[in-house]
Amino acid sequence: MPSDMIADLMERLRPLPAATVYEAAGKLGDMAPNIRPMIPGARLLGPAFTVKAMPSDNLVVFKAIAAAPAGSVLVVDAGDTERSTIWGGTSTVASVARRLLGLVTNAAVRDLDEILESGWPVFAAGVSVRGASKSHPGWIGIPVVVGGVNVNPGDIILADADGVIVIPPDQLATIVPKAEAKRAVEIDNEDRLRRGESIQSVMGFS
């Protein structure tokens, strides 16, 4: 799919809730619910720049920050444990300066006050005071598994307060119109409820 078409479809995704898009995608692509926003109200949409790190070793994370194109979402598989910390304040400052969009990881982060102050979207498995070593080169730009979902380089990441979903770019043209239609129905249903119509009538059950 041409890059300009992908960009247009992503703009149409931007206002849509992740839960609505997940439903429109056939209830596929949702990461495990332990991967949560570290900042209230955080929202994230962009192409994945994939990283695989050894648990508690973030050397490759710094390399990825330097290598990732502006406008990327870093997706880091670091062992799927909140006892492994691979991100902190320095990583956040560097990523903001590089104009990266956010982070999704199955590991923990720290320096949460700095992350909160920055407002930069971080979705992670938890928070831990533990530091990380910097010795293993890791891997960049390979398929990874985060939150039980396969993530390929360039997959579209959409995340909000409800969680993180992954959309292959070649599925955007199918999913986006379905998600827009579903959202229109959701909004109409809520308007009908506000006008006093019964939930049985609105939802079509007796």
C-alpha atoms as a PDB file:
ATOM      1  CA  MET A   1       0.000   0.000   0.000  1.00  0.00           C
ATOM      2  CA  PRO A   2       1.414   3.449  -0.887  1.00  0.00           C
ATOM      3  CA  SER A   3       2.746   5.426   2.069  1.00  0.00           C
ATOM      4  CA  ASP A   4       0.425   8.366   1.425  1.00  0.00           C
ATOM      5  CA  MET A   5      -2.605   6.054   1.583  1.00  0.00           C
ATOM      6  CA  ILE A   6      -1.356   4.584   4.861  1.00  0.00           C
ATOM      7  CA  ALA A   7      -0.918   8.102   6.234  1.00  0.00           C
ATOM      8  CA  ASP A   8      -4.473   9.062   5.234  1.00  0.00           C
ATOM      9  CA  LEU A   9      -5.936   5.942   6.842  1.00  0.00           C
ATOM     10  CA  MET A  10      -3.964   6.553  10.032  1.00  0.00           C
ATOM     11  CA  GLU A  11      -5.365  10.086  10.248  1.00  0.00           C
ATOM     12  CA  ARG A  12      -8.838   8.584  10.072  1.00  0.00           C
ATOM     13  CA  LEU A  13      -7.872   6.247  12.918  1.00  0.00           C
ATOM     14  CA  ARG A  14      -6.593   9.065  15.109  1.00  0.00           C
ATOM     15  CA  PRO A  15      -9.893  10.039  16.790  1.00  0.00           C
ATOM     16  CA  LEU A  16     -11.182   6.484  17.204  1.00  0.00           C
ATOM     17  CA  PRO A  17     -11.037   4.600  20.532  1.00  0.00           C
ATOM     18  CA  ALA A  18      -8.748   1.582  20.571  1.00  0.00           C
ATOM     19  CA  ALA A  19     -11.623  -0.600  21.790  1.00  0.00           C
ATOM     20  CA  THR A  20     -13.761   0.367  18.801  1.00  0.00           C
ATOM     21  CA  VAL A  21     -10.942  -0.370  16.375  1.00  0.00           C
ATOM     22  CA  TYR A  22     -10.263  -3.697  18.086  1.00  0.00           C
ATOM     23  CA  GLU A  23     -13.885  -4.722  17.561  1.00  0.00           C
ATOM     24  CA  ALA A  24     -13.757  -3.617  13.915  1.00  0.00           C
ATOM     25  CA  ALA A  25     -10.556  -5.637  13.444  1.00  0.00           C
ATOM     26  CA  GLY A  26     -12.378  -8.842  14.331  1.00  0.00           C
ATOM     27  CA  LYS A  27     -11.240  -8.794  17.960  1.00  0.00           C
ATOM     28  CA  LEU A  28      -7.638  -9.432  16.985  1.00  0.00           C
ATOM     29  CA  GLY A  29      -4.358  -7.713  17.771  1.00  0.00           C
ATOM     30  CA  ASP A  30      -4.893  -6.672  21.395  1.00  0.00           C
ATOM     31  CA  MET A  31      -1.898  -6.790  23.715  1.00  0.00           C
ATOM     32  CA  ALA A  32      -2.186  -8.262  27.196  1.00  0.00           C
ATOM     33  CA  PRO A  33      -3.903  -5.900  29.634  1.00  0.00           C
ATOM     34  CA  ASN A  34      -0.854  -5.644  31.905  1.00  0.00           C
ATOM     35  CA  ILE A  35       0.700  -3.311  29.332  1.00  0.00           C
ATOM     36  CA  ARG A  36      -0.810  -0.057  30.543  1.00  0.00           C
ATOM     37  CA  PRO A  37      -0.317   3.676  30.028  1.00  0.00           C
ATOM     38  CA  MET A  38       2.094   5.176  32.520  1.00  0.00           C
ATOM     39  CA  ILE A  39       0.561   8.618  31.906  1.00  0.00           C
ATOM     40  CA  PRO A  40      -3.169   9.222  32.432  1.00  0.00           C
ATOM     41  CA  GLY A  41      -4.851  10.126  29.166  1.00  0.00           C
ATOM     42  CA  ALA A  42      -1.931   8.966  27.016  1.00  0.00           C
ATOM     43  CA  ARG A  43      -2.767   8.114  23.425  1.00  0.00           C
ATOM     44  CA  LEU A  44      -0.440   6.728  20.800  1.00  0.00           C
ATOM     45  CA  LEU A  45      -0.674   6.112  17.070  1.00  0.00           C
ATOM     46  CA  GLY A  46       2.208   5.349  14.740  1.00  0.00           C
ATOM     47  CA  PRO A  47       4.342   2.738  12.978  1.00  0.00           C
ATOM     48  CA  ALA A  48       6.296   0.270  15.069  1.00  0.00           C
ATOM     49  CA  PHE A  49      10.087   0.356  15.261  1.00  0.00           C
ATOM     50  CA  THR A  50      10.783  -3.035  16.797  1.00  0.00           C
ATOM     51  CA  VAL A  51      13.453  -3.878  19.340  1.00  0.00           C
ATOM     52  CA  LYS A  52      14.386  -7.064  21.187  1.00  0.00           C
ATOM     53  CA  ALA A  53      16.462  -6.672  24.332  1.00  0.00           C
ATOM     54  CA  MET A  54      17.797  -9.110  26.854  1.00  0.00           C
ATOM     55  CA  PRO A  55      15.943  -8.717  30.175  1.00  0.00           C
ATOM     56  CA  SER A  56      17.343  -5.843  32.247  1.00  0.00           C
ATOM     57  CA  ASP A  57      19.807  -4.816  29.521  1.00  0.00           C
ATOM     58  CA  ASN A  58      18.975  -1.644  27.620  1.00  0.00           C
ATOM     59  CA  LEU A  59      22.038  -1.101  25.433  1.00  0.00           C
ATOM     60  CA  VAL A  60      19.976  -1.896  22.341  1.00  0.00           C
ATOM     61  CA  VAL A  61      17.276   0.532  23.494  1.00  0.00           C
ATOM     62  CA  PHE A  62      19.713   3.442  23.270  1.00  0.00           C
ATOM     63  CA  LYS A  63      20.809   2.219  19.844  1.00  0.00           C
ATOM     64  CA  ALA A  64      17.176   2.052  18.753  1.00  0.00           C
ATOM     65  CA  ILE A  65      16.464   5.603  19.926  1.00  0.00           C
ATOM     66  CA  ALA A  66      19.317   6.798  17.723  1.00  0.00           C
ATOM     67  CA  ALA A  67      18.253   4.674  14.744  1.00  0.00           C
ATOM     68  CA  ALA A  68      14.471   5.044  14.729  1.00  0.00           C
ATOM     69  CA  PRO A  69      12.976   7.537  12.249  1.00  0.00           C
ATOM     70  CA  ALA A  70      11.082  10.493  13.675  1.00  0.00           C
ATOM     71  CA  GLY A  71       7.419   9.597  14.008  1.00  0.00           C
ATOM     72  CA  SER A  72       8.099   6.004  15.091  1.00  0.00           C
ATOM     73  CA  VAL A  73       6.717   4.086  18.056  1.00  0.00           C
ATOM     74  CA  LEU A  74       9.379   2.048  19.838  1.00  0.00           C
ATOM     75  CA  VAL A  75       8.081  -1.461  20.555  1.00  0.00           C
ATOM     76  CA  VAL A  76      10.488  -3.249  22.883  1.00  0.00           C
ATOM     77  CA  ASP A  77      10.351  -6.932  23.799  1.00  0.00           C
ATOM     78  CA  ALA A  78      12.491  -7.211  26.913  1.00  0.00           C
ATOM     79  CA  GLY A  79      11.462 -10.500  28.422  1.00  0.00           C
ATOM     80  CA  ASP A  80       7.840  -9.964  29.434  1.00  0.00           C
ATOM     81  CA  THR A  81       8.438  -9.224  33.108  1.00  0.00           C
ATOM     82  CA  GLU A  82       7.822  -6.170  35.255  1.00  0.00           C
ATOM     83  CA  ARG A  83      10.963  -7.044  37.223  1.00  0.00           C
ATOM     84  CA  SER A  84      13.064  -6.083  34.202  1.00  0.00           C
ATOM     85  CA  THR A  85      13.547  -2.327  33.764  1.00  0.00           C
ATOM     86  CA  ILE A  86      14.741  -1.041  30.398  1.00  0.00           C
ATOM     87  CA  TRP A  87      13.555   2.584  30.280  1.00  0.00           C
ATOM     88  CA  GLY A  88      13.846   5.779  32.286  1.00  0.00           C
ATOM     89  CA  GLY A  89      14.172   9.531  32.249  1.00  0.00           C
ATOM     90  CA  THR A  90      17.249   9.705  30.021  1.00  0.00           C
ATOM     91  CA  SER A  91      15.624   7.481  27.408  1.00  0.00           C
ATOM     92  CA  THR A  92      12.531   9.664  27.467  1.00  0.00           C
ATOM     93  CA  VAL A  93      14.442  12.916  27.035  1.00  0.00           C
ATOM     94  CA  ALA A  94      16.400  11.437  24.126  1.00  0.00           C
ATOM     95  CA  SER A  95      13.233  10.156  22.455  1.00  0.00           C
ATOM     96  CA  VAL A  96      11.447  13.486  22.748  1.00  0.00           C
ATOM     97  CA  ALA A  97      14.473  15.187  21.184  1.00  0.00           C
ATOM     98  CA  ARG A  98      14.437  12.639  18.348  1.00  0.00           C
ATOM     99  CA  ARG A  99      10.691  13.266  17.800  1.00  0.00           C
ATOM    100  CA  LEU A 100       9.737   9.661  18.439  1.00  0.00           C
ATOM    101  CA  LEU A 101       6.054   9.183  19.268  1.00  0.00           C
ATOM    102  CA  GLY A 102       6.111   6.824  22.225  1.00  0.00           C
ATOM    103  CA  LEU A 103       7.084   3.492  23.764  1.00  0.00           C
ATOM    104  CA  VAL A 104       5.343   0.149  24.156  1.00  0.00           C
ATOM    105  CA  THR A 105       7.205  -2.500  26.157  1.00  0.00           C
ATOM    106  CA  ASN A 106       6.551  -5.694  28.086  1.00  0.00           C
ATOM    107  CA  ALA A 107       9.162  -4.640  30.661  1.00  0.00           C
ATOM    108  CA  ALA A 108       9.127  -2.060  33.439  1.00  0.00           C
ATOM    109  CA  VAL A 109      10.160   1.578  33.408  1.00  0.00           C
ATOM    110  CA  ARG A 110      11.424   3.932  36.082  1.00  0.00           C
ATOM    111  CA  ASP A 111      11.879   7.696  36.639  1.00  0.00           C
ATOM    112  CA  LEU A 112       8.128   7.894  36.378  1.00  0.00           C
ATOM    113  CA  ASP A 113       7.985  11.502  37.603  1.00  0.00           C
ATOM    114  CA  GLU A 114      10.174  12.550  34.676  1.00  0.00           C
ATOM    115  CA  ILE A 115       8.027  10.595  32.242  1.00  0.00           C
ATOM    116  CA  LEU A 116       4.881  12.204  33.665  1.00  0.00           C
ATOM    117  CA  GLU A 117       6.408  15.656  33.428  1.00  0.00           C
ATOM    118  CA  SER A 118       7.385  15.076  29.805  1.00  0.00           C
ATOM    119  CA  GLY A 119       3.900  13.945  28.785  1.00  0.00           C
ATOM    120  CA  TRP A 120       5.540  11.488  26.374  1.00  0.00           C
ATOM    121  CA  PRO A 121       3.373   8.365  25.909  1.00  0.00           C
ATOM    122  CA  VAL A 122       4.764   5.248  27.594  1.00  0.00           C
ATOM    123  CA  PHE A 123       2.874   1.960  27.768  1.00  0.00           C
ATOM    124  CA  ALA A 124       4.640  -0.622  29.917  1.00  0.00           C
ATOM    125  CA  ALA A 125       4.204  -3.654  32.151  1.00  0.00           C
ATOM    126  CA  GLY A 126       4.970  -1.743  35.327  1.00  0.00           C
ATOM    127  CA  VAL A 127       7.320   0.503  37.281  1.00  0.00           C
ATOM    128  CA  SER A 128      10.453  -0.609  39.113  1.00  0.00           C
ATOM    129  CA  VAL A 129      13.416   1.084  40.764  1.00  0.00           C
ATOM    130  CA  ARG A 130      15.787  -1.472  39.261  1.00  0.00           C
ATOM    131  CA  GLY A 131      18.416  -0.276  36.821  1.00  0.00           C
ATOM    132  CA  ALA A 132      19.630  -1.978  33.658  1.00  0.00           C
ATOM    133  CA  SER A 133      22.979  -3.212  32.446  1.00  0.00           C
ATOM    134  CA  LYS A 134      24.353  -2.123  29.083  1.00  0.00           C
ATOM    135  CA  SER A 135      26.260  -5.024  27.604  1.00  0.00           C
ATOM    136  CA  HIS A 136      24.128  -7.054  25.170  1.00  0.00           C
ATOM    137  CA  PRO A 137      23.783  -5.703  21.606  1.00  0.00           C
ATOM    138  CA  GLY A 138      20.208  -6.945  21.227  1.00  0.00           C
ATOM    139  CA  TRP A 139      18.314  -6.812  17.942  1.00  0.00           C
ATOM    140  CA  ILE A 140      16.649  -4.014  15.966  1.00  0.00           C
ATOM    141  CA  GLY A 141      14.062  -4.229  13.215  1.00  0.00           C
ATOM    142  CA  ILE A 142      13.035  -7.849  13.680  1.00  0.00           C
ATOM    143  CA  PRO A 143       9.602  -9.331  14.456  1.00  0.00           C
ATOM    144  CA  VAL A 144       8.938  -9.345  18.200  1.00  0.00           C
ATOM    145  CA  VAL A 145       6.209 -10.534  20.541  1.00  0.00           C
ATOM    146  CA  VAL A 146       4.882  -7.994  23.042  1.00  0.00           C
ATOM    147  CA  GLY A 147       1.808  -8.554  25.159  1.00  0.00           C
ATOM    148  CA  GLY A 148       1.185 -11.853  23.407  1.00  0.00           C
ATOM    149  CA  VAL A 149       0.937 -10.214  19.974  1.00  0.00           C
ATOM    150  CA  ASN A 150       3.322 -10.543  17.051  1.00  0.00           C
ATOM    151  CA  VAL A 151       4.604  -7.117  16.023  1.00  0.00           C
ATOM    152  CA  ASN A 152       6.424  -6.630  12.733  1.00  0.00           C
ATOM    153  CA  PRO A 153       8.413  -3.535  11.801  1.00  0.00           C
ATOM    154  CA  GLY A 154       5.983  -0.971  10.411  1.00  0.00           C
ATOM    155  CA  ASP A 155       2.852  -2.429  11.999  1.00  0.00           C
ATOM    156  CA  ILE A 156       0.511   0.282  13.211  1.00  0.00           C
ATOM    157  CA  ILE A 157       0.298   0.751  16.971  1.00  0.00           C
ATOM    158  CA  LEU A 158      -2.851   2.301  18.442  1.00  0.00           C
ATOM    159  CA  ALA A 159      -3.013   2.720  22.201  1.00  0.00           C
ATOM    160  CA  ASP A 160      -5.125   4.591  24.713  1.00  0.00           C
ATOM    161  CA  ALA A 161      -6.439   4.160  28.266  1.00  0.00           C
ATOM    162  CA  ASP A 162      -8.045   0.836  27.332  1.00  0.00           C
ATOM    163  CA  GLY A 163      -4.851  -0.781  26.048  1.00  0.00           C
ATOM    164  CA  VAL A 164      -2.707  -1.391  22.977  1.00  0.00           C
ATOM    165  CA  ILE A 165      -3.671  -2.912  19.637  1.00  0.00           C
ATOM    166  CA  VAL A 166      -1.538  -3.831  16.621  1.00  0.00           C
ATOM    167  CA  ILE A 167      -2.746  -3.453  13.031  1.00  0.00           C
ATOM    168  CA  PRO A 168      -0.830  -4.742   9.986  1.00  0.00           C
ATOM    169  CA  PRO A 169      -0.706  -1.883   7.450  1.00  0.00           C
ATOM    170  CA  ASP A 170      -2.259  -3.986   4.685  1.00  0.00           C
ATOM    171  CA  GLN A 171      -5.396  -4.350   6.828  1.00  0.00           C
ATOM    172  CA  LEU A 172      -5.966  -0.642   7.385  1.00  0.00           C
ATOM    173  CA  ALA A 173      -8.121  -0.170   4.294  1.00  0.00           C
ATOM    174  CA  THR A 174     -10.517  -2.836   5.555  1.00  0.00           C
ATOM    175  CA  ILE A 175     -10.477  -2.003   9.259  1.00  0.00           C
ATOM    176  CA  VAL A 176     -10.720   1.796   9.185  1.00  0.00           C
ATOM    177  CA  PRO A 177     -14.106   2.083   7.417  1.00  0.00           C
ATOM    178  CA  LYS A 178     -15.541  -0.611   9.692  1.00  0.00           C
ATOM    179  CA  ALA A 179     -14.223   1.212  12.765  1.00  0.00           C
ATOM    180  CA  GLU A 180     -15.661   4.537  11.584  1.00  0.00           C
ATOM    181  CA  ALA A 181     -19.058   2.950  10.980  1.00  0.00           C
ATOM    182  CA  LYS A 182     -18.992   1.245  14.367  1.00  0.00           C
ATOM    183  CA  ARG A 183     -18.073   4.492  16.111  1.00  0.00           C
ATOM    184  CA  ALA A 184     -20.950   6.299  14.408  1.00  0.00           C
ATOM    185  CA  VAL A 185     -23.347   3.657  15.751  1.00  0.00           C
ATOM    186  CA  GLU A 186     -21.841   3.960  19.251  1.00  0.00           C
ATOM    187  CA  ILE A 187     -22.286   7.726  19.247  1.00  0.00           C
ATOM    188  CA  ASP A 188     -25.859   7.448  17.969  1.00  0.00           C
ATOM    189  CA  ASN A 189     -26.713   4.862  20.626  1.00  0.00           C
ATOM    190  CA  GLU A 190     -25.339   7.071  23.385  1.00  0.00           C
ATOM    191  CA  ASP A 191     -27.301  10.059  22.073  1.00  0.00           C
ATOM    192  CA  ARG A 192     -30.487   7.979  22.100  1.00  0.00           C
ATOM    193  CA  LEU A 193     -29.809   6.962  25.704  1.00  0.00           C
ATOM    194  CA  ARG A 194     -29.294  10.591  26.718  1.00  0.00           C
ATOM    195  CA  ARG A 195     -32.659  11.429  25.149  1.00  0.00           C
ATOM    196  CA  GLY A 196     -34.282   8.905  27.468  1.00  0.00           C
ATOM    197  CA  GLU A 197     -34.675   5.851  25.258  1.00  0.00           C
ATOM    198  CA  SER A 198     -34.360   2.575  27.152  1.00  0.00           C
ATOM    199  CA  ILE A 199     -31.138   0.592  26.911  1.00  0.00           C
ATOM    200  CA  GLN A 200     -33.198  -2.459  25.878  1.00  0.00           C
ATOM    201  CA  SER A 201     -34.496  -0.572  22.875  1.00  0.00           C
ATOM    202  CA  VAL A 202     -31.165   0.954  21.962  1.00  0.00           C
ATOM    203  CA  MET A 203     -29.228  -2.295  22.255  1.00  0.00           C
ATOM    204  CA  GLY A 204     -31.972  -4.394  20.673  1.00  0.00           C
ATOM    205  CA  PHE A 205     -32.742  -6.853  23.466  1.00  0.00           C
ATOM    206  CA  SER A 206     -35.811  -7.449  25.597  1.00  0.00           C
END
